[in-house]
């Protein structure tokens, strides 16, 4: 489900990029056919699209940061589990052999009495 959301968001971002390219083409055409004195209007349109493009970029960057945060959280959980397993193995290895054997015999003897 999370992957489907990511895919949908990637498609949205791609369509926004296409929309930005169309707007850039439209502004370029306006510049080429502009009447004298209309430069402030075209500049205002271009500024509005620049603000919108920056907003899209920030939104996409935030999405990428969320995905990276999820990946880091998963990696951190894996490291934590590995460390816990390593500590358990090391603790078992540090027991004196006699103590380990007595635990095995105690367990076996108690299970036979039942």
N, C-alpha and C. Protein backbone atom coordinates (compact mmCIF):
# COMPACT_ATOMS: atom_id res chain seq x y z
N UNK A 1 0.83 -1.19 0.00
CA UNK A 1 0.00 0.00 0.00
C UNK A 1 0.87 1.26 0.00
N UNK A 2 1.94 1.22 0.75
CA UNK A 2 2.86 2.35 0.79
C UNK A 2 3.50 2.56 -0.57
N UNK A 3 3.84 1.45 -1.23
CA UNK A 3 4.44 1.56 -2.57
C UNK A 3 3.46 2.19 -3.55
N UNK A 4 2.19 1.82 -3.46
CA UNK A 4 1.19 2.38 -4.37
C UNK A 4 1.09 3.89 -4.17
N UNK A 5 1.15 4.33 -2.92
CA UNK A 5 1.11 5.76 -2.63
C UNK A 5 2.32 6.48 -3.20
N UNK A 6 3.47 5.84 -3.08
CA UNK A 6 4.70 6.44 -3.63
C UNK A 6 4.61 6.54 -5.15
N UNK A 7 4.09 5.49 -5.78
CA UNK A 7 3.97 5.50 -7.23
C UNK A 7 3.01 6.58 -7.68
N UNK A 8 1.88 6.70 -7.01
CA UNK A 8 0.92 7.74 -7.36
C UNK A 8 1.53 9.12 -7.20
N UNK A 9 2.27 9.32 -6.13
CA UNK A 9 2.90 10.62 -5.90
C UNK A 9 3.96 10.90 -6.96
N UNK A 10 4.70 9.90 -7.37
CA UNK A 10 5.70 10.09 -8.43
C UNK A 10 5.03 10.48 -9.74
N UNK A 11 3.88 9.87 -10.03
CA UNK A 11 3.13 10.22 -11.24
C UNK A 11 2.64 11.66 -11.16
N UNK A 12 2.15 12.07 -9.99
CA UNK A 12 1.71 13.45 -9.80
C UNK A 12 2.86 14.43 -10.03
N UNK A 13 4.02 14.12 -9.49
CA UNK A 13 5.18 15.00 -9.63
C UNK A 13 5.59 15.09 -11.10
N UNK A 14 5.54 13.96 -11.80
CA UNK A 14 5.87 13.98 -13.24
C UNK A 14 4.88 14.84 -14.01
N UNK A 15 3.60 14.73 -13.67
CA UNK A 15 2.60 15.53 -14.39
C UNK A 15 2.78 17.02 -14.08
N UNK A 16 3.18 17.33 -12.85
CA UNK A 16 3.45 18.73 -12.51
C UNK A 16 4.65 19.26 -13.30
N UNK A 17 5.64 18.43 -13.48
CA UNK A 17 6.80 18.84 -14.28
C UNK A 17 6.38 19.11 -15.73
N UNK A 18 5.50 18.28 -16.26
CA UNK A 18 4.99 18.51 -17.62
C UNK A 18 4.22 19.83 -17.68
N UNK A 19 3.43 20.10 -16.66
CA UNK A 19 2.67 21.36 -16.60
C UNK A 19 3.61 22.56 -16.54
N UNK A 20 4.69 22.44 -15.81
CA UNK A 20 5.67 23.52 -15.74
C UNK A 20 6.31 23.77 -17.10
N UNK A 21 6.62 22.68 -17.82
CA UNK A 21 7.20 22.84 -19.16
C UNK A 21 6.22 23.52 -20.11
N UNK A 22 4.95 23.16 -20.01
CA UNK A 22 3.93 23.81 -20.84
C UNK A 22 3.83 25.30 -20.51
N UNK A 23 3.88 25.62 -19.24
CA UNK A 23 3.82 27.03 -18.84
C UNK A 23 5.04 27.79 -19.33
N UNK A 24 6.19 27.15 -19.27
CA UNK A 24 7.41 27.80 -19.77
C UNK A 24 7.30 28.05 -21.27
N UNK A 25 6.76 27.10 -22.01
CA UNK A 25 6.56 27.30 -23.45
C UNK A 25 5.58 28.44 -23.72
N UNK A 26 4.51 28.47 -22.92
CA UNK A 26 3.51 29.54 -23.08
C UNK A 26 4.13 30.91 -22.79
N UNK A 27 4.90 31.01 -21.75
CA UNK A 27 5.54 32.28 -21.41
C UNK A 27 6.53 32.67 -22.50
N UNK A 28 7.26 31.69 -23.03
CA UNK A 28 8.21 31.96 -24.11
C UNK A 28 7.49 32.49 -25.35
N UNK A 29 6.36 31.90 -25.69
CA UNK A 29 5.58 32.37 -26.83
C UNK A 29 5.06 33.78 -26.57
N UNK A 30 4.63 34.04 -25.34
CA UNK A 30 4.14 35.37 -24.99
C UNK A 30 5.23 36.41 -25.15
N UNK A 31 6.43 36.03 -24.78
CA UNK A 31 7.56 36.97 -24.90
C UNK A 31 7.83 37.28 -26.37
N UNK A 32 7.76 36.25 -27.21
CA UNK A 32 8.07 36.45 -28.62
C UNK A 32 7.02 37.31 -29.33
N UNK A 33 5.78 37.24 -28.88
CA UNK A 33 4.71 37.99 -29.54
C UNK A 33 4.24 39.18 -28.72
N UNK A 34 4.98 39.54 -27.72
CA UNK A 34 4.55 40.60 -26.80
C UNK A 34 4.58 41.97 -27.48
N UNK A 35 3.60 42.74 -27.10
CA UNK A 35 3.55 44.12 -27.57
C UNK A 35 4.47 44.96 -26.70
N UNK A 36 4.98 46.04 -27.25
CA UNK A 36 5.81 46.92 -26.43
C UNK A 36 5.04 47.38 -25.18
N UNK A 37 5.71 47.35 -24.06
CA UNK A 37 5.10 47.79 -22.81
C UNK A 37 4.42 46.69 -22.02
N UNK A 38 4.35 45.47 -22.55
CA UNK A 38 3.69 44.38 -21.83
C UNK A 38 4.66 43.53 -21.03
N UNK A 39 5.90 43.92 -20.99
CA UNK A 39 6.92 43.15 -20.26
C UNK A 39 6.57 42.98 -18.79
N UNK A 40 6.04 43.99 -18.08
CA UNK A 40 5.70 43.77 -16.67
C UNK A 40 4.65 42.68 -16.46
N UNK A 41 3.70 42.56 -17.37
CA UNK A 41 2.67 41.52 -17.25
C UNK A 41 3.31 40.15 -17.43
N UNK A 42 4.14 40.02 -18.43
CA UNK A 42 4.81 38.73 -18.69
C UNK A 42 5.74 38.39 -17.54
N UNK A 43 6.41 39.40 -17.02
CA UNK A 43 7.31 39.16 -15.88
C UNK A 43 6.52 38.68 -14.66
N UNK A 44 5.36 39.24 -14.44
CA UNK A 44 4.52 38.81 -13.32
C UNK A 44 4.07 37.37 -13.50
N UNK A 45 3.71 37.00 -14.74
CA UNK A 45 3.32 35.61 -15.01
C UNK A 45 4.49 34.66 -14.74
N UNK A 46 5.66 35.05 -15.21
CA UNK A 46 6.85 34.21 -15.01
C UNK A 46 7.19 34.08 -13.53
N UNK A 47 7.06 35.17 -12.79
CA UNK A 47 7.33 35.12 -11.35
C UNK A 47 6.34 34.20 -10.64
N UNK A 48 5.07 34.27 -11.05
CA UNK A 48 4.06 33.39 -10.44
C UNK A 48 4.39 31.93 -10.70
N UNK A 49 4.80 31.61 -11.92
CA UNK A 49 5.16 30.24 -12.23
C UNK A 49 6.44 29.81 -11.51
N UNK A 50 7.34 30.73 -11.30
CA UNK A 50 8.56 30.41 -10.56
C UNK A 50 8.24 30.04 -9.12
N UNK A 51 7.33 30.80 -8.50
CA UNK A 51 6.92 30.48 -7.13
C UNK A 51 6.25 29.12 -7.09
N UNK A 52 5.38 28.85 -8.06
CA UNK A 52 4.69 27.55 -8.11
C UNK A 52 5.70 26.42 -8.32
N UNK A 53 6.66 26.61 -9.20
CA UNK A 53 7.68 25.59 -9.45
C UNK A 53 8.51 25.32 -8.21
N UNK A 54 8.84 26.36 -7.47
CA UNK A 54 9.58 26.18 -6.22
C UNK A 54 8.76 25.39 -5.21
N UNK A 55 7.47 25.65 -5.16
CA UNK A 55 6.60 24.91 -4.24
C UNK A 55 6.57 23.43 -4.62
N UNK A 56 6.46 23.14 -5.93
CA UNK A 56 6.47 21.74 -6.39
C UNK A 56 7.79 21.06 -6.02
N UNK A 57 8.87 21.77 -6.22
CA UNK A 57 10.19 21.21 -5.91
C UNK A 57 10.32 20.90 -4.42
N UNK A 58 9.85 21.82 -3.58
CA UNK A 58 9.91 21.59 -2.14
C UNK A 58 9.04 20.42 -1.73
N UNK A 59 7.89 20.30 -2.34
CA UNK A 59 7.00 19.17 -2.04
C UNK A 59 7.65 17.85 -2.42
N UNK A 60 8.25 17.81 -3.61
CA UNK A 60 8.91 16.58 -4.05
C UNK A 60 10.11 16.25 -3.16
N UNK A 61 10.85 17.27 -2.75
CA UNK A 61 11.98 17.05 -1.85
C UNK A 61 11.52 16.51 -0.51
N UNK A 62 10.41 17.03 -0.01
CA UNK A 62 9.86 16.53 1.25
C UNK A 62 9.46 15.06 1.13
N UNK A 63 8.86 14.69 -0.01
CA UNK A 63 8.51 13.29 -0.23
C UNK A 63 9.76 12.40 -0.24
N UNK A 64 10.80 12.86 -0.91
CA UNK A 64 12.04 12.08 -0.93
C UNK A 64 12.63 11.94 0.46
N UNK A 65 12.55 12.99 1.25
CA UNK A 65 13.08 12.93 2.62
C UNK A 65 12.29 11.95 3.46
N UNK A 66 10.96 11.90 3.27
CA UNK A 66 10.15 10.93 4.01
C UNK A 66 10.53 9.50 3.64
N UNK A 67 10.73 9.26 2.36
CA UNK A 67 11.12 7.92 1.91
C UNK A 67 12.47 7.55 2.50
N UNK A 68 13.40 8.49 2.48
CA UNK A 68 14.75 8.24 3.04
C UNK A 68 14.66 7.99 4.55
N UNK A 69 13.79 8.73 5.23
CA UNK A 69 13.63 8.53 6.68
C UNK A 69 13.10 7.13 6.98
N UNK A 70 12.19 6.65 6.16
CA UNK A 70 11.66 5.29 6.34
C UNK A 70 12.77 4.27 6.13
N UNK A 71 13.58 4.48 5.09
CA UNK A 71 14.70 3.57 4.84
C UNK A 71 15.70 3.56 6.00
N UNK A 72 15.99 4.75 6.53
CA UNK A 72 16.92 4.83 7.67
C UNK A 72 16.35 4.17 8.91
N UNK A 73 15.05 4.32 9.14
CA UNK A 73 14.43 3.69 10.30
C UNK A 73 14.51 2.16 10.19
N UNK A 74 14.28 1.65 8.99
CA UNK A 74 14.37 0.20 8.78
C UNK A 74 15.81 -0.28 8.99
N UNK A 75 16.76 0.46 8.46
CA UNK A 75 18.17 0.08 8.65
C UNK A 75 18.55 0.12 10.12
N UNK A 76 18.06 1.12 10.83
CA UNK A 76 18.35 1.23 12.26
C UNK A 76 17.76 0.05 13.03
N UNK A 77 16.55 -0.34 12.68
CA UNK A 77 15.93 -1.49 13.35
C UNK A 77 16.73 -2.76 13.09
N UNK A 78 17.22 -2.91 11.86
CA UNK A 78 18.04 -4.09 11.54
C UNK A 78 19.34 -4.10 12.34
N UNK A 79 19.97 -2.95 12.47
CA UNK A 79 21.21 -2.86 13.26
C UNK A 79 20.92 -3.17 14.73
N UNK A 80 19.82 -2.65 15.24
CA UNK A 80 19.46 -2.89 16.64
C UNK A 80 19.21 -4.39 16.88
N UNK A 81 18.50 -5.02 15.98
CA UNK A 81 18.24 -6.47 16.14
C UNK A 81 19.54 -7.26 16.04
N UNK A 82 20.40 -6.86 15.12
CA UNK A 82 21.69 -7.55 14.99
C UNK A 82 22.53 -7.40 16.24
N UNK A 83 22.53 -6.21 16.82
CA UNK A 83 23.29 -5.99 18.05
C UNK A 83 22.73 -6.81 19.20
N UNK A 84 21.41 -6.89 19.29
CA UNK A 84 20.79 -7.69 20.36
C UNK A 84 21.14 -9.17 20.19
N UNK A 85 21.10 -9.65 18.96
CA UNK A 85 21.45 -11.05 18.71
C UNK A 85 22.92 -11.31 19.01
N UNK A 86 23.78 -10.39 18.63
CA UNK A 86 25.21 -10.55 18.90
C UNK A 86 25.48 -10.56 20.40
N UNK A 87 24.79 -9.71 21.15
CA UNK A 87 24.97 -9.67 22.60
C UNK A 87 24.51 -10.98 23.24
N UNK A 88 23.41 -11.53 22.73
CA UNK A 88 22.91 -12.79 23.28
C UNK A 88 23.89 -13.93 23.00
N UNK A 89 24.43 -13.96 21.80
CA UNK A 89 25.39 -15.01 21.46
C UNK A 89 26.66 -14.86 22.29
N UNK A 90 27.11 -13.62 22.43
CA UNK A 90 28.33 -13.38 23.21
C UNK A 90 28.11 -13.76 24.67
N UNK A 91 26.95 -13.45 25.23
CA UNK A 91 26.67 -13.80 26.61
C UNK A 91 26.65 -15.32 26.79
N UNK A 92 26.11 -16.03 25.82
CA UNK A 92 26.08 -17.49 25.89
C UNK A 92 27.49 -18.07 25.79
N UNK A 93 28.32 -17.45 24.98
CA UNK A 93 29.69 -17.94 24.79
C UNK A 93 30.56 -17.67 26.01
N UNK A 94 30.23 -16.69 26.81
CA UNK A 94 31.05 -16.32 27.96
C UNK A 94 30.76 -17.16 29.20
N UNK A 95 29.73 -17.98 29.16
CA UNK A 95 29.43 -18.82 30.31
C UNK A 95 30.49 -19.92 30.43
N UNK A 96 30.89 -20.21 31.65
CA UNK A 96 31.84 -21.32 31.83
C UNK A 96 31.20 -22.63 31.37
N UNK A 97 31.97 -23.50 30.79
CA UNK A 97 31.40 -24.76 30.27
C UNK A 97 30.69 -25.57 31.35
N UNK A 98 31.24 -25.56 32.58
CA UNK A 98 30.60 -26.34 33.65
C UNK A 98 29.19 -25.81 33.94
N UNK A 99 29.05 -24.49 33.95
CA UNK A 99 27.75 -23.88 34.23
C UNK A 99 26.77 -24.20 33.10
N UNK A 100 27.25 -24.12 31.89
CA UNK A 100 26.39 -24.43 30.75
C UNK A 100 25.95 -25.89 30.80
N UNK A 101 26.88 -26.79 31.14
CA UNK A 101 26.55 -28.22 31.22
C UNK A 101 25.59 -28.49 32.36
N UNK A 102 25.79 -27.82 33.51
CA UNK A 102 24.88 -28.06 34.63
C UNK A 102 23.47 -27.59 34.29
N UNK A 103 23.37 -26.53 33.52
CA UNK A 103 22.03 -26.08 33.11
C UNK A 103 21.39 -27.10 32.17
N UNK A 104 22.18 -27.67 31.28
CA UNK A 104 21.64 -28.67 30.36
C UNK A 104 21.19 -29.89 31.15
N UNK A 105 22.03 -30.37 32.13
CA UNK A 105 21.66 -31.55 32.91
C UNK A 105 20.45 -31.27 33.78
N UNK A 106 20.38 -30.09 34.36
CA UNK A 106 19.23 -29.74 35.20
C UNK A 106 17.96 -29.74 34.37
N UNK A 107 18.04 -29.19 33.17
CA UNK A 107 16.86 -29.14 32.29
C UNK A 107 16.45 -30.55 31.88
N UNK A 108 17.44 -31.37 31.50
CA UNK A 108 17.13 -32.74 31.07
C UNK A 108 16.55 -33.57 32.22
N UNK A 109 17.12 -33.45 33.42
CA UNK A 109 16.63 -34.21 34.57
C UNK A 109 15.22 -33.78 34.96
N UNK A 110 14.96 -32.49 34.93
CA UNK A 110 13.62 -32.03 35.32
C UNK A 110 12.59 -32.44 34.28
N UNK A 111 12.96 -32.52 33.05
CA UNK A 111 11.98 -32.93 32.02
C UNK A 111 11.72 -34.42 32.08
N UNK A 112 12.69 -35.24 32.60
CA UNK A 112 12.48 -36.69 32.71
C UNK A 112 11.57 -37.02 33.87
N UNK A 113 11.57 -36.20 34.91
CA UNK A 113 10.75 -36.49 36.09
C UNK A 113 9.27 -36.34 35.80
N UNK A 114 8.91 -35.61 34.82
CA UNK A 114 7.49 -35.37 34.52
C UNK A 114 6.87 -36.52 33.87
